PDB file of all heavy atoms in Angstrom:
ATOM      1  N   ASN A   1      25.128 -10.853   8.283  1.00  0.00           N
ATOM      2  CA  ASN A   1      24.897  -9.413   8.153  1.00  0.00           C
ATOM      3  C   ASN A   1      24.472  -9.051   6.727  1.00  0.00           C
ATOM      4  O   ASN A   1      23.589  -8.209   6.528  1.00  0.00           O
ATOM      5  CB  ASN A   1      26.148  -8.626   8.542  1.00  0.00           C
ATOM      6  CG  ASN A   1      26.419  -8.681  10.028  1.00  0.00           C
ATOM      7  OD1 ASN A   1      25.530  -8.969  10.828  1.00  0.00           O
ATOM      8  ND2 ASN A   1      27.650  -8.430  10.413  1.00  0.00           N
ATOM      9  N   LYS A   2      25.105  -9.681   5.751  1.00  0.00           N
ATOM     10  CA  LYS A   2      24.750  -9.420   4.355  1.00  0.00           C
ATOM     11  C   LYS A   2      23.304  -9.839   4.097  1.00  0.00           C
ATOM     12  O   LYS A   2      22.540  -9.105   3.476  1.00  0.00           O
ATOM     13  CB  LYS A   2      25.698 -10.180   3.431  1.00  0.00           C
ATOM     14  CG  LYS A   2      25.427  -9.949   1.970  1.00  0.00           C
ATOM     15  CD  LYS A   2      26.385 -10.740   1.098  1.00  0.00           C
ATOM     16  CE  LYS A   2      26.042 -10.572  -0.373  1.00  0.00           C
ATOM     17  NZ  LYS A   2      26.875 -11.404  -1.224  1.00  0.00           N
ATOM     18  N   ARG A   3      22.929 -11.020   4.591  1.00  0.00           N
ATOM     19  CA  ARG A   3      21.558 -11.497   4.385  1.00  0.00           C
ATOM     20  C   ARG A   3      20.562 -10.603   5.111  1.00  0.00           C
ATOM     21  O   ARG A   3      19.479 -10.320   4.596  1.00  0.00           O
ATOM     22  CB  ARG A   3      21.429 -12.952   4.859  1.00  0.00           C
ATOM     23  CG  ARG A   3      20.065 -13.529   4.669  1.00  0.00           C
ATOM     24  CD  ARG A   3      19.678 -13.601   3.197  1.00  0.00           C
ATOM     25  NE  ARG A   3      18.308 -14.050   3.074  1.00  0.00           N
ATOM     26  CZ  ARG A   3      17.435 -13.564   2.234  1.00  0.00           C
ATOM     27  NH1 ARG A   3      17.787 -12.623   1.374  1.00  0.00           N
ATOM     28  NH2 ARG A   3      16.208 -14.013   2.205  1.00  0.00           N
ATOM     29  N   THR A   4      20.924 -10.127   6.298  1.00  0.00           N
ATOM     30  CA  THR A   4      20.053  -9.218   7.042  1.00  0.00           C
ATOM     31  C   THR A   4      19.833  -7.941   6.254  1.00  0.00           C
ATOM     32  O   THR A   4      18.700  -7.445   6.160  1.00  0.00           O
ATOM     33  CB  THR A   4      20.662  -8.896   8.425  1.00  0.00           C
ATOM     34  OG1 THR A   4      20.829 -10.112   9.144  1.00  0.00           O
ATOM     35  CG2 THR A   4      19.790  -7.958   9.220  1.00  0.00           C
ATOM     36  N   ASP A   5      20.887  -7.393   5.674  1.00  0.00           N
ATOM     37  CA  ASP A   5      20.769  -6.182   4.859  1.00  0.00           C
ATOM     38  C   ASP A   5      19.881  -6.432   3.634  1.00  0.00           C
ATOM     39  O   ASP A   5      19.071  -5.576   3.259  1.00  0.00           O
ATOM     40  CB  ASP A   5      22.146  -5.689   4.409  1.00  0.00           C
ATOM     41  CG  ASP A   5      22.981  -5.174   5.575  1.00  0.00           C
ATOM     42  OD1 ASP A   5      22.401  -4.873   6.648  1.00  0.00           O
ATOM     43  OD2 ASP A   5      24.216  -5.073   5.408  1.00  0.00           O
ATOM     44  N   GLU A   6      20.025  -7.612   3.021  1.00  0.00           N
ATOM     45  CA  GLU A   6      19.177  -7.952   1.870  1.00  0.00           C
ATOM     46  C   GLU A   6      17.710  -8.013   2.268  1.00  0.00           C
ATOM     47  O   GLU A   6      16.846  -7.496   1.558  1.00  0.00           O
ATOM     48  CB  GLU A   6      19.614  -9.299   1.275  1.00  0.00           C
ATOM     49  CG  GLU A   6      20.940  -9.268   0.565  1.00  0.00           C
ATOM     50  CD  GLU A   6      21.419 -10.663   0.158  1.00  0.00           C
ATOM     51  OE1 GLU A   6      20.718 -11.664   0.468  1.00  0.00           O
ATOM     52  OE2 GLU A   6      22.491 -10.755  -0.475  1.00  0.00           O
ATOM     53  N   VAL A   7      17.418  -8.622   3.410  1.00  0.00           N
ATOM     54  CA  VAL A   7      16.039  -8.730   3.877  1.00  0.00           C
ATOM     55  C   VAL A   7      15.484  -7.340   4.199  1.00  0.00           C
ATOM     56  O   VAL A   7      14.328  -7.033   3.871  1.00  0.00           O
ATOM     57  CB  VAL A   7      15.934  -9.670   5.098  1.00  0.00           C
ATOM     58  CG1 VAL A   7      14.566  -9.592   5.758  1.00  0.00           C
ATOM     59  CG2 VAL A   7      16.251 -11.099   4.683  1.00  0.00           C
ATOM     60  N   LYS A   8      16.288  -6.484   4.812  1.00  0.00           N
ATOM     61  CA  LYS A   8      15.840  -5.120   5.109  1.00  0.00           C
ATOM     62  C   LYS A   8      15.496  -4.383   3.820  1.00  0.00           C
ATOM     63  O   LYS A   8      14.487  -3.673   3.753  1.00  0.00           O
ATOM     64  CB  LYS A   8      16.928  -4.357   5.871  1.00  0.00           C
ATOM     65  CG  LYS A   8      17.033  -4.716   7.321  1.00  0.00           C
ATOM     66  CD  LYS A   8      18.126  -3.897   7.992  1.00  0.00           C
ATOM     67  CE  LYS A   8      18.294  -4.257   9.440  1.00  0.00           C
ATOM     68  NZ  LYS A   8      19.382  -3.483  10.074  1.00  0.00           N
ATOM     69  N   GLU A   9      16.331  -4.545   2.811  1.00  0.00           N
ATOM     70  CA  GLU A   9      16.083  -3.894   1.519  1.00  0.00           C
ATOM     71  C   GLU A   9      14.798  -4.428   0.887  1.00  0.00           C
ATOM     72  O   GLU A   9      13.988  -3.655   0.349  1.00  0.00           O
ATOM     73  CB  GLU A   9      17.272  -4.110   0.584  1.00  0.00           C
ATOM     74  CG  GLU A   9      17.201  -3.313  -0.693  1.00  0.00           C
ATOM     75  CD  GLU A   9      17.159  -1.812  -0.474  1.00  0.00           C
ATOM     76  OE1 GLU A   9      17.814  -1.308   0.462  1.00  0.00           O
ATOM     77  OE2 GLU A   9      16.459  -1.133  -1.248  1.00  0.00           O
ATOM     78  N   GLU A  10      14.593  -5.739   0.959  1.00  0.00           N
ATOM     79  CA  GLU A  10      13.359  -6.330   0.426  1.00  0.00           C
ATOM     80  C   GLU A  10      12.134  -5.792   1.168  1.00  0.00           C
ATOM     81  O   GLU A  10      11.092  -5.530   0.549  1.00  0.00           O
ATOM     82  CB  GLU A  10      13.413  -7.851   0.534  1.00  0.00           C
ATOM     83  CG  GLU A  10      14.393  -8.506  -0.412  1.00  0.00           C
ATOM     84  CD  GLU A  10      14.552 -10.006  -0.165  1.00  0.00           C
ATOM     85  OE1 GLU A  10      13.793 -10.581   0.647  1.00  0.00           O
ATOM     86  OE2 GLU A  10      15.452 -10.597  -0.789  1.00  0.00           O
ATOM     87  N   MET A  11      12.256  -5.617   2.472  1.00  0.00           N
ATOM     88  CA  MET A  11      11.137  -5.086   3.260  1.00  0.00           C
ATOM     89  C   MET A  11      10.843  -3.636   2.867  1.00  0.00           C
ATOM     90  O   MET A  11       9.675  -3.244   2.789  1.00  0.00           O
ATOM     91  CB  MET A  11      11.445  -5.177   4.761  1.00  0.00           C
ATOM     92  CG  MET A  11      11.512  -6.606   5.301  1.00  0.00           C
ATOM     93  SD  MET A  11       9.963  -7.494   5.121  1.00  0.00           S
ATOM     94  CE  MET A  11       8.959  -6.616   6.277  1.00  0.00           C
ATOM     95  N   LYS A  12      11.866  -2.845   2.624  1.00  0.00           N
ATOM     96  CA  LYS A  12      11.656  -1.465   2.181  1.00  0.00           C
ATOM     97  C   LYS A  12      10.923  -1.437   0.843  1.00  0.00           C
ATOM     98  O   LYS A  12       9.985  -0.665   0.647  1.00  0.00           O
ATOM     99  CB  LYS A  12      12.996  -0.737   2.042  1.00  0.00           C
ATOM    100  CG  LYS A  12      13.605  -0.303   3.337  1.00  0.00           C
ATOM    101  CD  LYS A  12      14.922   0.422   3.089  1.00  0.00           C
ATOM    102  CE  LYS A  12      15.618   0.752   4.373  1.00  0.00           C
ATOM    103  NZ  LYS A  12      16.931   1.395   4.145  1.00  0.00           N
ATOM    104  N   GLU A  13      11.373  -2.296  -0.078  1.00  0.00           N
ATOM    105  CA  GLU A  13      10.726  -2.360  -1.388  1.00  0.00           C
ATOM    106  C   GLU A  13       9.273  -2.802  -1.246  1.00  0.00           C
ATOM    107  O   GLU A  13       8.380  -2.244  -1.895  1.00  0.00           O
ATOM    108  CB  GLU A  13      11.483  -3.332  -2.306  1.00  0.00           C
ATOM    109  CG  GLU A  13      12.847  -2.840  -2.716  1.00  0.00           C
ATOM    110  CD  GLU A  13      13.650  -3.891  -3.464  1.00  0.00           C
ATOM    111  OE1 GLU A  13      13.100  -4.983  -3.763  1.00  0.00           O
ATOM    112  OE2 GLU A  13      14.831  -3.628  -3.752  1.00  0.00           O
ATOM    113  N   PHE A  14       9.015  -3.772  -0.386  1.00  0.00           N
ATOM    114  CA  PHE A  14       7.659  -4.249  -0.160  1.00  0.00           C
ATOM    115  C   PHE A  14       6.799  -3.123   0.408  1.00  0.00           C
ATOM    116  O   PHE A  14       5.649  -2.933  -0.013  1.00  0.00           O
ATOM    117  CB  PHE A  14       7.686  -5.453   0.789  1.00  0.00           C
ATOM    118  CG  PHE A  14       6.332  -6.010   1.102  1.00  0.00           C
ATOM    119  CD1 PHE A  14       5.655  -6.774   0.166  1.00  0.00           C
ATOM    120  CD2 PHE A  14       5.742  -5.776   2.331  1.00  0.00           C
ATOM    121  CE1 PHE A  14       4.399  -7.296   0.444  1.00  0.00           C
ATOM    122  CE2 PHE A  14       4.491  -6.290   2.611  1.00  0.00           C
ATOM    123  CZ  PHE A  14       3.811  -7.047   1.679  1.00  0.00           C
ATOM    124  N   LYS A  15       7.345  -2.372   1.354  1.00  0.00           N
ATOM    125  CA  LYS A  15       6.596  -1.277   1.967  1.00  0.00           C
ATOM    126  C   LYS A  15       6.278  -0.213   0.925  1.00  0.00           C
ATOM    127  O   LYS A  15       5.162   0.329   0.901  1.00  0.00           O
ATOM    128  CB  LYS A  15       7.394  -0.663   3.117  1.00  0.00           C
ATOM    129  CG  LYS A  15       6.618   0.374   3.877  1.00  0.00           C
ATOM    130  CD  LYS A  15       7.378   0.927   5.049  1.00  0.00           C
ATOM    131  CE  LYS A  15       6.478   1.908   5.766  1.00  0.00           C
ATOM    132  NZ  LYS A  15       7.127   3.041   6.295  1.00  0.00           N
ATOM    133  N   GLN A  16       7.236   0.088   0.047  1.00  0.00           N
ATOM    134  CA  GLN A  16       6.982   1.073  -1.008  1.00  0.00           C
ATOM    135  C   GLN A  16       5.864   0.599  -1.934  1.00  0.00           C
ATOM    136  O   GLN A  16       4.978   1.380  -2.314  1.00  0.00           O
ATOM    137  CB  GLN A  16       8.251   1.339  -1.815  1.00  0.00           C
ATOM    138  CG  GLN A  16       9.293   2.136  -1.069  1.00  0.00           C
ATOM    139  CD  GLN A  16      10.599   2.252  -1.850  1.00  0.00           C
ATOM    140  OE1 GLN A  16      10.788   1.580  -2.864  1.00  0.00           O
ATOM    141  NE2 GLN A  16      11.497   3.098  -1.361  1.00  0.00           N
ATOM    142  N   GLU A  17       5.905  -0.679  -2.294  1.00  0.00           N
ATOM    143  CA  GLU A  17       4.852  -1.228  -3.149  1.00  0.00           C
ATOM    144  C   GLU A  17       3.494  -1.149  -2.459  1.00  0.00           C
ATOM    145  O   GLU A  17       2.484  -0.818  -3.089  1.00  0.00           O
ATOM    146  CB  GLU A  17       5.171  -2.671  -3.527  1.00  0.00           C
ATOM    147  CG  GLU A  17       6.339  -2.820  -4.473  1.00  0.00           C
ATOM    148  CD  GLU A  17       6.722  -4.277  -4.709  1.00  0.00           C
ATOM    149  OE1 GLU A  17       6.024  -5.187  -4.195  1.00  0.00           O
ATOM    150  OE2 GLU A  17       7.734  -4.497  -5.390  1.00  0.00           O
ATOM    151  N   MET A  18       3.468  -1.444  -1.172  1.00  0.00           N
ATOM    152  CA  MET A  18       2.209  -1.380  -0.418  1.00  0.00           C
ATOM    153  C   MET A  18       1.697   0.051  -0.352  1.00  0.00           C
ATOM    154  O   MET A  18       0.497   0.300  -0.459  1.00  0.00           O
ATOM    155  CB  MET A  18       2.387  -1.948   0.995  1.00  0.00           C
ATOM    156  CG  MET A  18       2.628  -3.454   1.037  1.00  0.00           C
ATOM    157  SD  MET A  18       1.330  -4.406   0.213  1.00  0.00           S
ATOM    158  CE  MET A  18      -0.046  -4.082   1.265  1.00  0.00           C
ATOM    159  N   ASP A  19       2.605   1.023  -0.167  1.00  0.00           N
ATOM    160  CA  ASP A  19       2.200   2.435  -0.140  1.00  0.00           C
ATOM    161  C   ASP A  19       1.620   2.855  -1.495  1.00  0.00           C
ATOM    162  O   ASP A  19       0.661   3.629  -1.551  1.00  0.00           O
ATOM    163  CB  ASP A  19       3.380   3.331   0.243  1.00  0.00           C
ATOM    164  CG  ASP A  19       3.749   3.215   1.720  1.00  0.00           C
ATOM    165  OD1 ASP A  19       2.915   2.709   2.507  1.00  0.00           O
ATOM    166  OD2 ASP A  19       4.888   3.607   2.082  1.00  0.00           O
ATOM    167  N   GLU A  20       2.216   2.351  -2.573  1.00  0.00           N
ATOM    168  CA  GLU A  20       1.722   2.685  -3.910  1.00  0.00           C
ATOM    169  C   GLU A  20       0.335   2.098  -4.146  1.00  0.00           C
ATOM    170  O   GLU A  20      -0.494   2.698  -4.827  1.00  0.00           O
ATOM    171  CB  GLU A  20       2.684   2.158  -4.981  1.00  0.00           C
ATOM    172  CG  GLU A  20       4.010   2.876  -5.011  1.00  0.00           C
ATOM    173  CD  GLU A  20       5.020   2.216  -5.939  1.00  0.00           C
ATOM    174  OE1 GLU A  20       4.666   1.218  -6.614  1.00  0.00           O
ATOM    175  OE2 GLU A  20       6.173   2.672  -5.971  1.00  0.00           O
ATOM    176  N   ILE A  21       0.085   0.928  -3.599  1.00  0.00           N
ATOM    177  CA  ILE A  21      -1.200   0.261  -3.806  1.00  0.00           C
ATOM    178  C   ILE A  21      -2.268   0.774  -2.831  1.00  0.00           C
ATOM    179  O   ILE A  21      -3.455   0.815  -3.151  1.00  0.00           O
ATOM    180  CB  ILE A  21      -1.032  -1.268  -3.630  1.00  0.00           C
ATOM    181  CG1 ILE A  21      -0.129  -1.816  -4.722  1.00  0.00           C
ATOM    182  CG2 ILE A  21      -2.362  -1.982  -3.629  1.00  0.00           C
ATOM    183  CD1 ILE A  21       0.252  -3.266  -4.514  1.00  0.00           C
ATOM    184  N   LYS A  22      -1.857   1.213  -1.667  1.00  0.00           N
ATOM    185  CA  LYS A  22      -2.789   1.547  -0.591  1.00  0.00           C
ATOM    186  C   LYS A  22      -3.768   2.656  -0.979  1.00  0.00           C
ATOM    187  O   LYS A  22      -4.987   2.509  -0.816  1.00  0.00           O
ATOM    188  CB  LYS A  22      -2.007   1.952   0.663  1.00  0.00           C
ATOM    189  CG  LYS A  22      -2.881   2.239   1.868  1.00  0.00           C
ATOM    190  CD  LYS A  22      -2.099   2.394   3.151  1.00  0.00           C
ATOM    191  CE  LYS A  22      -1.118   3.523   3.094  1.00  0.00           C
ATOM    192  NZ  LYS A  22      -0.464   3.771   4.385  1.00  0.00           N
ATOM    193  N   THR A  23      -3.285   3.763  -1.499  1.00  0.00           N
ATOM    194  CA  THR A  23      -4.160   4.906  -1.796  1.00  0.00           C
ATOM    195  C   THR A  23      -5.217   4.547  -2.843  1.00  0.00           C
ATOM    196  O   THR A  23      -6.411   4.776  -2.601  1.00  0.00           O
ATOM    197  CB  THR A  23      -3.314   6.120  -2.236  1.00  0.00           C
ATOM    198  OG1 THR A  23      -2.368   6.403  -1.211  1.00  0.00           O
ATOM    199  CG2 THR A  23      -4.191   7.328  -2.471  1.00  0.00           C
ATOM    200  N   PRO A  24      -4.832   3.988  -3.995  1.00  0.00           N
ATOM    201  CA  PRO A  24      -5.891   3.640  -4.956  1.00  0.00           C
ATOM    202  C   PRO A  24      -6.861   2.587  -4.408  1.00  0.00           C
ATOM    203  O   PRO A  24      -8.060   2.620  -4.716  1.00  0.00           O
ATOM    204  CB  PRO A  24      -5.135   3.075  -6.156  1.00  0.00           C
ATOM    205  CG  PRO A  24      -3.724   3.463  -5.986  1.00  0.00           C
ATOM    206  CD  PRO A  24      -3.524   3.759  -4.546  1.00  0.00           C
ATOM    207  N   LEU A  25      -6.376   1.678  -3.587  1.00  0.00           N
ATOM    208  CA  LEU A  25      -7.234   0.643  -3.022  1.00  0.00           C
ATOM    209  C   LEU A  25      -8.259   1.253  -2.073  1.00  0.00           C
ATOM    210  O   LEU A  25      -9.443   0.901  -2.111  1.00  0.00           O
ATOM    211  CB  LEU A  25      -6.380  -0.402  -2.303  1.00  0.00           C
ATOM    212  CG  LEU A  25      -7.095  -1.631  -1.778  1.00  0.00           C
ATOM    213  CD1 LEU A  25      -7.762  -2.390  -2.921  1.00  0.00           C
ATOM    214  CD2 LEU A  25      -6.140  -2.537  -1.042  1.00  0.00           C
ATOM    215  N   ILE A  26      -7.826   2.177  -1.257  1.00  0.00           N
ATOM    216  CA  ILE A  26      -8.749   2.843  -0.317  1.00  0.00           C
ATOM    217  C   ILE A  26      -9.806   3.613  -1.100  1.00  0.00           C
ATOM    218  O   ILE A  26     -10.991   3.580  -0.783  1.00  0.00           O
ATOM    219  CB  ILE A  26      -7.972   3.761   0.650  1.00  0.00           C
ATOM    220  CG1 ILE A  26      -7.155   2.912   1.630  1.00  0.00           C
ATOM    221  CG2 ILE A  26      -8.920   4.676   1.406  1.00  0.00           C
ATOM    222  CD1 ILE A  26      -6.225   3.707   2.524  1.00  0.00           C
ATOM    223  N   GLN A  27      -9.389   4.306  -2.131  1.00  0.00           N
ATOM    224  CA  GLN A  27     -10.350   5.076  -2.941  1.00  0.00           C
ATOM    225  C   GLN A  27     -11.342   4.142  -3.634  1.00  0.00           C
ATOM    226  O   GLN A  27     -12.529   4.454  -3.748  1.00  0.00           O
ATOM    227  CB  GLN A  27      -9.612   5.920  -3.983  1.00  0.00           C
ATOM    228  CG  GLN A  27      -8.857   7.073  -3.366  1.00  0.00           C
ATOM    229  CD  GLN A  27      -8.019   7.841  -4.397  1.00  0.00           C
ATOM    230  OE1 GLN A  27      -7.918   7.428  -5.547  1.00  0.00           O
ATOM    231  NE2 GLN A  27      -7.439   8.953  -3.950  1.00  0.00           N
ATOM    232  N   ALA A  28     -10.893   3.015  -4.085  1.00  0.00           N
ATOM    233  CA  ALA A  28     -11.781   2.079  -4.762  1.00  0.00           C
ATOM    234  C   ALA A  28     -12.767   1.451  -3.793  1.00  0.00           C
ATOM    235  O   ALA A  28     -13.897   1.122  -4.176  1.00  0.00           O
ATOM    236  CB  ALA A  28     -10.969   0.987  -5.452  1.00  0.00           C
ATOM    237  N   LEU A  29     -12.397   1.299  -2.557  1.00  0.00           N
ATOM    238  CA  LEU A  29     -13.280   0.669  -1.572  1.00  0.00           C
ATOM    239  C   LEU A  29     -14.249   1.644  -0.910  1.00  0.00           C
ATOM    240  O   LEU A  29     -15.172   1.216  -0.218  1.00  0.00           O
ATOM    241  CB  LEU A  29     -12.445  -0.037  -0.500  1.00  0.00           C
ATOM    242  CG  LEU A  29     -11.656  -1.256  -0.968  1.00  0.00           C
ATOM    243  CD1 LEU A  29     -10.800  -1.791   0.176  1.00  0.00           C
ATOM    244  CD2 LEU A  29     -12.591  -2.346  -1.468  1.00  0.00           C
ATOM    245  N   ARG A  30     -14.076   2.926  -1.112  1.00  0.00           N
ATOM    246  CA  ARG A  30     -14.983   3.905  -0.506  1.00  0.00           C
ATOM    247  C   ARG A  30     -16.344   3.799  -1.185  1.00  0.00           C
ATOM    248  O   ARG A  30     -16.450   3.678  -2.408  1.00  0.00           O
ATOM    249  CB  ARG A  30     -14.452   5.319  -0.683  1.00  0.00           C
ATOM    250  CG  ARG A  30     -13.370   5.649   0.288  1.00  0.00           C
ATOM    251  CD  ARG A  30     -13.104   7.134   0.293  1.00  0.00           C
ATOM    252  NE  ARG A  30     -11.967   7.392   1.165  1.00  0.00           N
ATOM    253  CZ  ARG A  30     -11.115   8.364   1.005  1.00  0.00           C
ATOM    254  NH1 ARG A  30     -11.246   9.181  -0.015  1.00  0.00           N
ATOM    255  NH2 ARG A  30     -10.142   8.532   1.852  1.00  0.00           N
ATOM    256  N   LEU A  31     -17.318   3.862  -0.350  1.00  0.00           N
ATOM    257  CA  LEU A  31     -18.700   3.861  -0.894  1.00  0.00           C
ATOM    258  C   LEU A  31     -19.019   5.242  -1.442  1.00  0.00           C
ATOM    259  O   LEU A  31     -18.633   6.249  -0.864  1.00  0.00           O
ATOM    260  CB  LEU A  31     -19.682   3.476   0.199  1.00  0.00           C
ATOM    261  CG  LEU A  31     -19.539   2.058   0.778  1.00  0.00           C
ATOM    262  CD1 LEU A  31     -20.486   1.872   1.937  1.00  0.00           C
ATOM    263  CD2 LEU A  31     -19.801   1.025  -0.313  1.00  0.00           C
ATOM    264  N   PRO A  32     -19.678   5.260  -2.547  1.00  0.00           N
ATOM    265  CA  PRO A  32     -20.063   6.577  -3.065  1.00  0.00           C
ATOM    266  C   PRO A  32     -21.057   7.232  -2.073  1.00  0.00           C
ATOM    267  O   PRO A  32     -21.779   6.545  -1.370  1.00  0.00           O
ATOM    268  CB  PRO A  32     -20.722   6.286  -4.400  1.00  0.00           C
ATOM    269  CG  PRO A  32     -21.081   4.845  -4.359  1.00  0.00           C
ATOM    270  CD  PRO A  32     -20.185   4.196  -3.355  1.00  0.00           C
ATOM    271  N   PRO A  33     -21.069   8.519  -2.050  1.00  0.00           N
ATOM    272  CA  PRO A  33     -22.007   9.173  -1.133  1.00  0.00           C
ATOM    273  C   PRO A  33     -23.451   8.822  -1.536  1.00  0.00           C
ATOM    274  O   PRO A  33     -23.751   8.603  -2.708  1.00  0.00           O
ATOM    275  CB  PRO A  33     -21.734  10.670  -1.311  1.00  0.00           C
ATOM    276  CG  PRO A  33     -20.870  10.785  -2.514  1.00  0.00           C
ATOM    277  CD  PRO A  33     -20.302   9.453  -2.829  1.00  0.00           C
ATOM    278  N   PRO A  34     -24.295   8.695  -0.528  1.00  0.00           N
ATOM    279  CA  PRO A  34     -25.675   8.327  -0.850  1.00  0.00           C
ATOM    280  C   PRO A  34     -26.350   9.398  -1.723  1.00  0.00           C
ATOM    281  O   PRO A  34     -26.080  10.590  -1.598  1.00  0.00           O
ATOM    282  CB  PRO A  34     -26.350   8.211   0.493  1.00  0.00           C
ATOM    283  CG  PRO A  34     -25.433   8.826   1.494  1.00  0.00           C
ATOM    284  CD  PRO A  34     -24.079   8.927   0.869  1.00  0.00           C
ATOM    285  N   ALA A  35     -27.165   8.914  -2.604  1.00  0.00           N
ATOM    286  CA  ALA A  35     -27.879   9.852  -3.503  1.00  0.00           C
ATOM    287  C   ALA A  35     -28.890  10.632  -2.684  1.00  0.00           C
ATOM    288  O   ALA A  35     -29.568  10.123  -1.830  1.00  0.00           O
ATOM    289  CB  ALA A  35     -28.567   9.067  -4.605  1.00  0.00           C
ATOM    290  N   GLN A  36     -28.987  11.879  -2.998  1.00  0.00           N
ATOM    291  CA  GLN A  36     -29.921  12.729  -2.263  1.00  0.00           C
ATOM    292  C   GLN A  36     -31.270  12.727  -2.979  1.00  0.00           C
ATOM    293  O   GLN A  36     -31.324  12.853  -4.194  1.00  0.00           O
ATOM    294  CB  GLN A  36     -29.361  14.136  -2.191  1.00  0.00           C
ATOM    295  CG  GLN A  36     -28.066  14.111  -1.406  1.00  0.00           C
ATOM    296  CD  GLN A  36     -27.805  15.465  -0.776  1.00  0.00           C
ATOM    297  OE1 GLN A  36     -28.401  16.451  -1.131  1.00  0.00           O
ATOM    298  NE2 GLN A  36     -26.890  15.479   0.160  1.00  0.00           N
ATOM    299  N   PRO A  37     -32.284  12.567  -2.215  1.00  0.00           N
ATOM    300  CA  PRO A  37     -33.602  12.522  -2.854  1.00  0.00           C
ATOM    301  C   PRO A  37     -34.105  13.850  -3.335  1.00  0.00           C
ATOM    302  O   PRO A  37     -33.783  14.896  -3.065  1.00  0.00           O
ATOM    303  CB  PRO A  37     -34.493  11.968  -1.785  1.00  0.00           C
ATOM    304  CG  PRO A  37     -33.743  11.995  -0.516  1.00  0.00           C
ATOM    305  CD  PRO A  37     -32.328  12.249  -0.836  1.00  0.00           C
TER     306      PRO A  37
END
């Protein structure tokens, strides 16, 4: 049970880190709008 709780806590921390990285990563991968002639 103790190890299960530790793994759950690690997963929460991992998810938080992924949420922190996700938004800037999505913005960086967006293509700029096409230039208008």
